[in-house]
Protein backbone atom coordinates (compact mmCIF):
# COMPACT_ATOMS: atom_id res chain seq x y z
CA UNK A 1 -25.21 52.62 -30.76
CA UNK A 2 -23.89 52.25 -27.20
CA UNK A 3 -25.43 49.39 -25.25
CA UNK A 4 -26.85 49.81 -21.74
CA UNK A 5 -24.76 46.79 -20.74
CA UNK A 6 -21.79 45.91 -23.00
CA UNK A 7 -21.45 42.33 -21.74
CA UNK A 8 -23.77 40.57 -24.15
CA UNK A 9 -25.16 37.20 -23.05
CA UNK A 10 -27.32 36.33 -26.07
CA UNK A 11 -26.82 37.07 -29.75
CA UNK A 12 -24.26 39.21 -31.50
CA UNK A 13 -24.13 43.01 -31.65
CA UNK A 14 -20.92 44.21 -33.30
CA UNK A 15 -17.15 43.56 -33.36
CA UNK A 16 -16.65 46.13 -30.58
CA UNK A 17 -18.47 43.89 -28.10
CA UNK A 18 -16.80 40.70 -29.32
CA UNK A 19 -13.72 39.53 -27.44
CA UNK A 20 -10.63 38.44 -29.38
CA UNK A 21 -10.94 35.24 -31.52
CA UNK A 22 -8.73 36.98 -34.10
CA UNK A 23 -6.89 33.83 -35.15
CA UNK A 24 -10.07 31.73 -35.25
CA UNK A 25 -11.83 34.42 -37.30
CA UNK A 26 -8.97 34.48 -39.79
CA UNK A 27 -8.85 30.67 -40.01
CA UNK A 28 -12.60 30.32 -40.53
CA UNK A 29 -13.04 33.14 -43.04
CA UNK A 30 -9.97 32.06 -45.02
CA UNK A 31 -11.33 28.53 -45.18
CA UNK A 32 -14.72 29.26 -46.65
CA UNK A 33 -13.62 32.17 -48.85
CA UNK A 34 -11.17 29.74 -50.45
CA UNK A 35 -13.83 27.17 -51.23
CA UNK A 36 -13.46 24.86 -48.23
CA UNK A 37 -16.10 23.38 -45.98
CA UNK A 38 -15.33 23.49 -42.26
CA UNK A 39 -16.16 21.32 -39.25
CA UNK A 40 -16.05 23.66 -36.24
CA UNK A 41 -15.92 21.88 -32.88
CA UNK A 42 -16.11 23.30 -29.37
CA UNK A 43 -17.98 22.62 -26.13
CA UNK A 44 -21.33 24.39 -25.75
CA UNK A 45 -21.41 27.95 -24.46
CA UNK A 46 -17.82 28.59 -25.46
CA UNK A 47 -18.90 30.99 -28.21
CA UNK A 48 -18.77 29.07 -31.50
CA UNK A 49 -22.15 30.42 -32.70
CA UNK A 50 -21.12 33.99 -31.90
CA UNK A 51 -17.83 33.36 -33.72
CA UNK A 52 -19.78 32.31 -36.82
CA UNK A 53 -21.90 35.49 -36.61
CA UNK A 54 -18.70 37.51 -36.21
CA UNK A 55 -17.18 35.96 -39.32
CA UNK A 56 -20.37 36.62 -41.26
CA UNK A 57 -20.16 40.30 -40.26
CA UNK A 58 -16.70 40.76 -41.79
CA UNK A 59 -16.92 43.40 -44.54
CA UNK A 60 -15.79 41.09 -47.34
CA UNK A 61 -18.37 38.45 -46.34
CA UNK A 62 -21.26 40.90 -45.88
CA UNK A 63 -20.68 42.51 -49.26
CA UNK A 64 -20.11 39.43 -51.39
CA UNK A 65 -21.93 36.44 -49.87
CA UNK A 66 -25.36 35.29 -48.76
CA UNK A 67 -24.93 33.86 -45.26
CA UNK A 68 -27.35 31.53 -43.51
CA UNK A 69 -27.12 30.17 -39.96
CA UNK A 70 -29.33 27.17 -39.17
CA UNK A 71 -29.67 25.89 -35.59
CA UNK A 72 -30.73 22.23 -35.66
CA UNK A 73 -30.15 21.45 -31.97
CA UNK A 74 -33.86 20.79 -31.32
CA UNK A 75 -34.56 18.91 -34.56
CA UNK A 76 -35.46 15.23 -34.36
CA UNK A 77 -35.69 14.11 -37.99
CA UNK A 78 -35.04 15.08 -41.61
CA UNK A 79 -38.39 16.85 -41.97
CA UNK A 80 -37.55 19.21 -39.10
CA UNK A 81 -34.06 19.77 -40.53
CA UNK A 82 -35.50 20.82 -43.89
CA UNK A 83 -38.03 23.05 -42.15
CA UNK A 84 -35.30 24.92 -40.21
CA UNK A 85 -33.07 25.21 -43.28
CA UNK A 86 -35.88 26.66 -45.39
CA UNK A 87 -36.91 29.10 -42.67
CA UNK A 88 -33.31 30.33 -42.24
CA UNK A 89 -32.99 30.99 -45.98
CA UNK A 90 -36.28 32.91 -46.16
CA UNK A 91 -35.46 35.01 -43.09
CA UNK A 92 -32.20 36.19 -44.67
CA UNK A 93 -33.38 36.68 -48.25
CA UNK A 94 -36.50 38.69 -47.52
CA UNK A 95 -34.27 41.60 -46.44
CA UNK A 96 -31.94 41.21 -49.44
CA UNK A 97 -34.28 42.52 -52.11
CA UNK A 98 -37.00 41.12 -54.33
CA UNK A 99 -34.70 39.44 -56.81
CA UNK A 100 -32.99 37.38 -54.09
CA UNK A 101 -36.11 35.93 -52.53
CA UNK A 102 -38.05 35.54 -55.79
CA UNK A 103 -35.30 33.20 -57.02
CA UNK A 104 -35.69 31.10 -53.89
CA UNK A 105 -39.50 31.02 -53.99
CA UNK A 106 -39.35 29.98 -57.65
CA UNK A 107 -37.27 26.95 -56.67
CA UNK A 108 -39.73 25.80 -53.96
CA UNK A 109 -42.26 24.20 -56.29
CA UNK A 110 -43.33 21.66 -53.64
CA UNK A 111 -44.19 24.42 -51.14
CA UNK A 112 -45.27 27.32 -53.33
CA UNK A 113 -48.90 27.00 -52.29
CA UNK A 114 -47.95 26.98 -48.62
CA UNK A 115 -45.77 30.10 -48.51
CA UNK A 116 -47.49 33.26 -47.31
CA UNK A 117 -46.50 36.90 -47.88
CA UNK A 118 -46.51 39.90 -45.57
CA UNK A 119 -48.14 43.27 -46.28
CA UNK A 120 -45.05 44.35 -48.23
CA UNK A 121 -45.19 41.28 -50.45
CA UNK A 122 -42.20 39.58 -48.84
CA UNK A 123 -42.34 35.81 -48.18
CA UNK A 124 -43.11 34.53 -44.67
CA UNK A 125 -42.11 31.07 -43.46
CA UNK A 126 -45.32 30.43 -41.53
CA UNK A 127 -46.11 26.97 -42.81
CA UNK A 128 -46.51 23.99 -40.52
CA UNK A 129 -44.11 21.07 -40.45
CA UNK A 130 -46.76 18.84 -41.95
CA UNK A 131 -46.72 20.84 -45.17
CA UNK A 132 -43.26 19.47 -45.91
CA UNK A 133 -44.72 16.19 -47.12
CA UNK A 134 -41.63 14.95 -48.94
CA UNK A 135 -38.52 16.32 -47.16
CA UNK A 136 -36.04 14.98 -49.74
CA UNK A 137 -37.86 16.80 -52.54
CA UNK A 138 -37.92 20.09 -50.62
CA UNK A 139 -34.27 19.61 -49.69
CA UNK A 140 -33.39 19.21 -53.37
CA UNK A 141 -35.27 22.43 -54.12
CA UNK A 142 -33.35 24.35 -51.43
CA UNK A 143 -30.06 23.05 -52.80
CA UNK A 144 -31.19 24.01 -56.30
CA UNK A 145 -31.58 27.57 -55.04
CA UNK A 146 -28.16 27.54 -53.32
CA UNK A 147 -26.58 26.42 -56.59
CA UNK A 148 -28.38 29.09 -58.67
CA UNK A 149 -28.19 32.07 -56.27
CA UNK A 150 -26.67 35.26 -57.70
CA UNK A 151 -24.05 35.31 -54.91
CA UNK A 152 -21.90 32.63 -53.40
CA UNK A 153 -23.60 31.22 -50.29
CA UNK A 154 -22.27 30.22 -46.88
CA UNK A 155 -24.48 27.92 -44.82
CA UNK A 156 -23.56 27.32 -41.17
CA UNK A 157 -25.38 24.41 -39.55
CA UNK A 158 -25.17 24.70 -35.76
CA UNK A 159 -25.19 21.55 -33.58
CA UNK A 160 -24.65 19.47 -36.69
CA UNK A 161 -24.13 16.28 -34.67
CA UNK A 162 -27.94 16.18 -34.18
CA UNK A 163 -28.33 14.50 -37.58
CA UNK A 164 -26.54 11.41 -36.25
CA UNK A 165 -29.57 10.68 -34.06
CA UNK A 166 -32.23 11.09 -36.76
CA UNK A 167 -34.39 7.99 -37.31
CA UNK A 168 -33.74 8.07 -41.05
CA UNK A 169 -30.66 5.94 -41.66
CA UNK A 170 -29.23 7.70 -44.72
CA UNK A 171 -29.23 11.39 -43.72
CA UNK A 172 -25.44 11.79 -43.63
CA UNK A 173 -25.05 10.23 -47.08
CA UNK A 174 -28.02 12.18 -48.43
CA UNK A 175 -26.58 15.52 -47.28
CA UNK A 176 -23.02 14.64 -48.30
CA UNK A 177 -24.13 13.91 -51.86
CA UNK A 178 -26.00 17.21 -52.21
CA UNK A 179 -23.24 19.25 -50.58
CA UNK A 180 -20.59 17.64 -52.78
CA UNK A 181 -22.38 18.82 -55.92
CA UNK A 182 -23.24 22.32 -54.66
CA UNK A 183 -20.40 24.42 -56.11
CA UNK A 184 -21.98 27.80 -55.31
CA UNK A 185 -22.05 27.19 -51.56
CA UNK A 186 -19.71 26.39 -48.71
CA UNK A 187 -20.72 24.89 -45.40
CA UNK A 188 -19.73 25.23 -41.75
CA UNK A 189 -20.69 22.21 -39.67
CA UNK A 190 -20.57 23.39 -36.05
CA UNK A 191 -20.89 20.89 -33.22
CA UNK A 192 -20.43 20.66 -29.47
CA UNK A 193 -20.25 16.89 -28.95
CA UNK A 194 -16.62 16.25 -29.82
CA UNK A 195 -16.77 12.45 -29.91
CA UNK A 196 -19.77 12.45 -32.28
CA UNK A 197 -18.34 15.14 -34.56
CA UNK A 198 -14.94 13.43 -34.64
CA UNK A 199 -16.53 10.13 -35.59
CA UNK A 200 -18.61 11.79 -38.33
CA UNK A 201 -15.68 13.55 -40.00
CA UNK A 202 -12.66 11.34 -39.25
CA UNK A 203 -14.07 7.83 -39.54
CA UNK A 204 -13.41 6.24 -42.94
CA UNK A 205 -16.78 4.48 -42.81
CA UNK A 206 -18.82 7.71 -42.62
CA UNK A 207 -19.97 9.81 -45.63
CA UNK A 208 -18.33 13.06 -44.43
CA UNK A 209 -14.90 11.44 -43.98
CA UNK A 210 -12.10 13.90 -44.87
CA UNK A 211 -14.57 16.26 -46.57
CA UNK A 212 -13.80 19.34 -44.45
CA UNK A 213 -11.14 21.35 -42.70
CA UNK A 214 -11.30 20.67 -38.95
CA UNK A 215 -11.14 23.67 -36.61
CA UNK A 216 -11.48 23.43 -32.83
CA UNK A 217 -11.79 26.36 -30.43
CA UNK A 218 -10.99 26.56 -26.75
CA UNK A 219 -11.42 29.28 -24.12
CA UNK A 220 -10.33 32.82 -24.96
CA UNK A 221 -6.91 33.65 -23.51
CA UNK A 222 -7.28 35.14 -20.01
CA UNK A 223 -5.08 38.18 -20.67
CA UNK A 224 -7.16 39.09 -23.73
CA UNK A 225 -10.40 38.59 -21.78
CA UNK A 226 -9.19 40.68 -18.85
CA UNK A 227 -8.14 43.53 -21.18
CA UNK A 228 -11.52 43.34 -22.91
CA UNK A 229 -13.47 43.46 -19.63
CA UNK A 230 -11.46 46.32 -18.15
CA UNK A 231 -11.71 48.33 -21.36
CA UNK A 232 -15.51 48.03 -21.53
CA UNK A 233 -15.88 48.97 -17.86
CA UNK A 234 -13.64 52.00 -18.46
CA UNK A 235 -15.66 53.15 -21.48
CA UNK A 236 -18.66 53.54 -19.16
CA UNK A 237 -16.70 55.28 -16.41
CA UNK A 238 -16.40 52.17 -14.23
CA UNK A 239 -13.54 49.97 -13.05
CA UNK A 240 -13.07 46.26 -12.44
CA UNK A 241 -10.04 44.76 -10.74
CA UNK A 242 -8.07 42.30 -12.87
CA UNK A 243 -8.18 39.87 -9.95
CA UNK A 244 -12.00 39.92 -10.12
CA UNK A 245 -11.90 38.95 -13.81
CA UNK A 246 -9.42 36.18 -12.95
CA UNK A 247 -11.74 34.87 -10.22
CA UNK A 248 -14.63 34.60 -12.69
CA UNK A 249 -12.50 33.18 -15.50
CA UNK A 250 -10.92 30.47 -13.34
CA UNK A 251 -14.16 29.56 -11.61
CA UNK A 252 -15.85 28.80 -14.94
CA UNK A 253 -12.80 27.50 -16.85
CA UNK A 254 -12.97 30.43 -19.24
CA UNK A 255 -16.33 29.29 -20.69
CA UNK A 256 -17.54 32.44 -22.41
CA UNK A 257 -21.25 32.38 -21.57
CA UNK A 258 -20.70 32.08 -17.82
CA UNK A 259 -17.91 34.67 -17.75
CA UNK A 260 -20.09 37.08 -19.74
CA UNK A 261 -23.10 36.42 -17.47
CA UNK A 262 -21.20 37.27 -14.28
CA UNK A 263 -19.54 40.31 -15.88
CA UNK A 264 -22.98 41.44 -17.05
CA UNK A 265 -24.27 41.19 -13.49
CA UNK A 266 -21.22 42.98 -12.03
CA UNK A 267 -21.49 45.77 -14.58
CA UNK A 268 -25.18 46.33 -13.81
CA UNK A 269 -24.53 46.70 -10.07
CA UNK A 270 -21.45 48.92 -10.36
CA UNK A 271 -22.36 52.64 -10.39
CA UNK A 272 -20.65 55.11 -12.71
CA UNK A 273 -17.39 56.03 -11.05
CA UNK A 274 -17.49 52.82 -9.01
CA UNK A 275 -15.10 49.89 -8.80
CA UNK A 276 -15.76 46.17 -8.36
CA UNK A 277 -13.28 43.70 -6.90
CA UNK A 278 -13.03 40.01 -5.98
CA UNK A 279 -15.41 40.43 -3.05
CA UNK A 280 -18.18 41.45 -5.45
CA UNK A 281 -17.88 38.33 -7.59
CA UNK A 282 -19.63 35.95 -5.18
CA UNK A 283 -22.63 38.27 -4.92
CA UNK A 284 -22.86 38.47 -8.71
CA UNK A 285 -22.70 34.68 -9.01
CA UNK A 286 -25.42 34.28 -6.38
CA UNK A 287 -27.59 36.75 -8.28
CA UNK A 288 -27.11 34.87 -11.58
CA UNK A 289 -27.81 31.49 -9.95
CA UNK A 290 -30.83 32.69 -7.93
CA UNK A 291 -32.51 33.92 -11.11
CA UNK A 292 -32.65 30.26 -12.20
CA UNK A 293 -33.48 28.80 -8.79
CA UNK A 294 -37.10 27.92 -9.53
CA UNK A 295 -36.20 26.24 -12.83
CA UNK A 296 -33.38 24.29 -11.17
CA UNK A 297 -35.71 23.10 -8.38
CA UNK A 298 -38.18 21.85 -10.98
CA UNK A 299 -35.46 20.03 -12.93
CA UNK A 300 -34.11 18.30 -9.85
CA UNK A 301 -37.60 17.30 -8.68
CA UNK A 302 -38.26 15.50 -11.98
CA UNK A 303 -35.21 13.25 -11.71
CA UNK A 304 -35.52 9.67 -10.41
CA UNK A 305 -33.74 9.13 -7.09
CA UNK A 306 -30.78 7.16 -8.53
CA UNK A 307 -30.11 9.74 -11.23
CA UNK A 308 -30.26 12.48 -8.62
CA UNK A 309 -27.71 10.65 -6.44
CA UNK A 310 -25.30 10.21 -9.34
CA UNK A 311 -25.76 13.82 -10.46
CA UNK A 312 -24.95 15.07 -6.96
CA UNK A 313 -21.91 12.78 -6.72
CA UNK A 314 -20.44 14.06 -9.98
CA UNK A 315 -21.26 17.63 -9.00
CA UNK A 316 -19.35 17.26 -5.72
CA UNK A 317 -16.36 15.89 -7.63
CA UNK A 318 -16.41 18.85 -10.04
CA UNK A 319 -14.78 16.84 -12.81
CA UNK A 320 -15.36 13.16 -12.21
CA UNK A 321 -13.08 10.49 -13.65
CA UNK A 322 -13.13 6.71 -13.23
CA UNK A 323 -16.77 6.79 -12.16
CA UNK A 324 -16.97 2.99 -12.16
CA UNK A 325 -13.96 2.65 -9.90
CA UNK A 326 -14.22 1.34 -6.35
CA UNK A 327 -12.96 4.58 -4.71
CA UNK A 328 -15.59 6.70 -6.51
CA UNK A 329 -18.40 4.26 -5.73
CA UNK A 330 -17.41 4.01 -2.08
CA UNK A 331 -17.04 7.77 -1.65
CA UNK A 332 -20.60 8.32 -2.83
CA UNK A 333 -22.26 5.07 -1.66
CA UNK A 334 -23.16 3.99 -5.19
CA UNK A 335 -23.08 0.77 -7.21
CA UNK A 336 -21.47 0.36 -10.63
CA UNK A 337 -24.72 -0.71 -12.32
CA UNK A 338 -26.69 2.26 -10.98
CA UNK A 339 -23.98 4.71 -12.04
CA UNK A 340 -23.79 3.35 -15.58
CA UNK A 341 -27.55 3.55 -16.17
CA UNK A 342 -27.91 6.94 -14.51
CA UNK A 343 -25.02 8.56 -16.39
CA UNK A 344 -26.40 7.41 -19.75
CA UNK A 345 -29.79 8.97 -18.91
CA UNK A 346 -28.29 12.18 -17.51
CA UNK A 347 -26.19 12.72 -20.64
CA UNK A 348 -29.24 12.18 -22.85
CA UNK A 349 -31.14 14.77 -20.79
CA UNK A 350 -28.22 17.26 -20.99
CA UNK A 351 -27.64 17.25 -17.23
CA UNK A 352 -24.13 15.89 -17.70
CA UNK A 353 -21.45 16.30 -20.32
CA UNK A 354 -18.54 13.94 -20.96
CA UNK A 355 -15.17 14.54 -22.55
CA UNK A 356 -12.58 11.79 -22.89
CA UNK A 357 -13.86 9.93 -19.83
CA UNK A 358 -14.32 13.02 -17.65
CA UNK A 359 -17.85 13.85 -16.51
CA UNK A 360 -19.20 17.15 -15.21
CA UNK A 361 -22.51 18.96 -14.76
CA UNK A 362 -23.31 20.60 -18.10
CA UNK A 363 -24.80 23.83 -16.64
CA UNK A 364 -22.15 25.37 -14.39
CA UNK A 365 -24.69 27.66 -12.67
CA UNK A 366 -26.79 24.58 -11.96
CA UNK A 367 -23.71 22.99 -10.40
CA UNK A 368 -23.27 26.06 -8.17
CA UNK A 369 -26.89 25.76 -7.11
CA UNK A 370 -26.65 22.00 -6.46
CA UNK A 371 -23.66 22.43 -4.15
CA UNK A 372 -25.77 24.59 -1.85
CA UNK A 373 -28.65 22.11 -1.58
């Protein structure tokens, strides 16, 4: 089915609308089809979740494995983790036939009275969090299913670093023990906070130490991305100058979500038979940013004055280094103590991201908007 706009911003459609990642796809699929667990690390919005979907859509995987993707970014404790894991399993199995989901339901003895069924008799994960009274028991039941399933299972846990902040102190050890003994399942631990993920998997004092293959992904190669963009425009009878793709790619450091968003906007405003060039890029960026203007205004309004000052200072720098140094503080009329406290809060709120001592505004469209305030 041809899409109205081939530059997908959310979700995954098919390999035709997926750009490159051939080597990463081969690495990832080879790893888990050969019995390895994988820690997949990349900054947010670079496409790691879509890469996982893409791997799960490979013919060999679709035909021979049960695949589950669990997003735990918003979870705050073990109970919420178990809830999301159980829901992901039910959502996949209810379309895989009665035998598949009946096996799972039979394992959930602690929740059997809480599961509901739709008009076709398929299970629905409509229970409340509170019904998972003993998360470790329910977790054991889910792992019992994974071990007894009639196909090998692949479980991808997105934003895996979230478990490091759970109030329960033994979650890493608890999961590591269960995963270690689950021979019918392989796991992908995907994370966007490199320093946390690295500590979890490379520190000898942590339970997951040396338990996985480590794979990192960076931006898609520009030449591949440019070919991809021009090909999709051409399929719809439109044209885009290579220089326009380069302008977008360089402006957003090749971060997939932003490049796709601007290309999506350009495609929608280019008529059949039309051509877009570098001059059209700025208008497309303004359109994408203006759509979020109200939300950005609200976010900025909620920030305390000091945090706002530090956010604006880092935004003006683009990529800020040595933020406690005298030159940085003098340039932006700040003090070292105020910067330290504000940066910690801004990272916790996801306004800023840090990588090896370099700080930048997490949302690049937000940064564009801030620079015009």
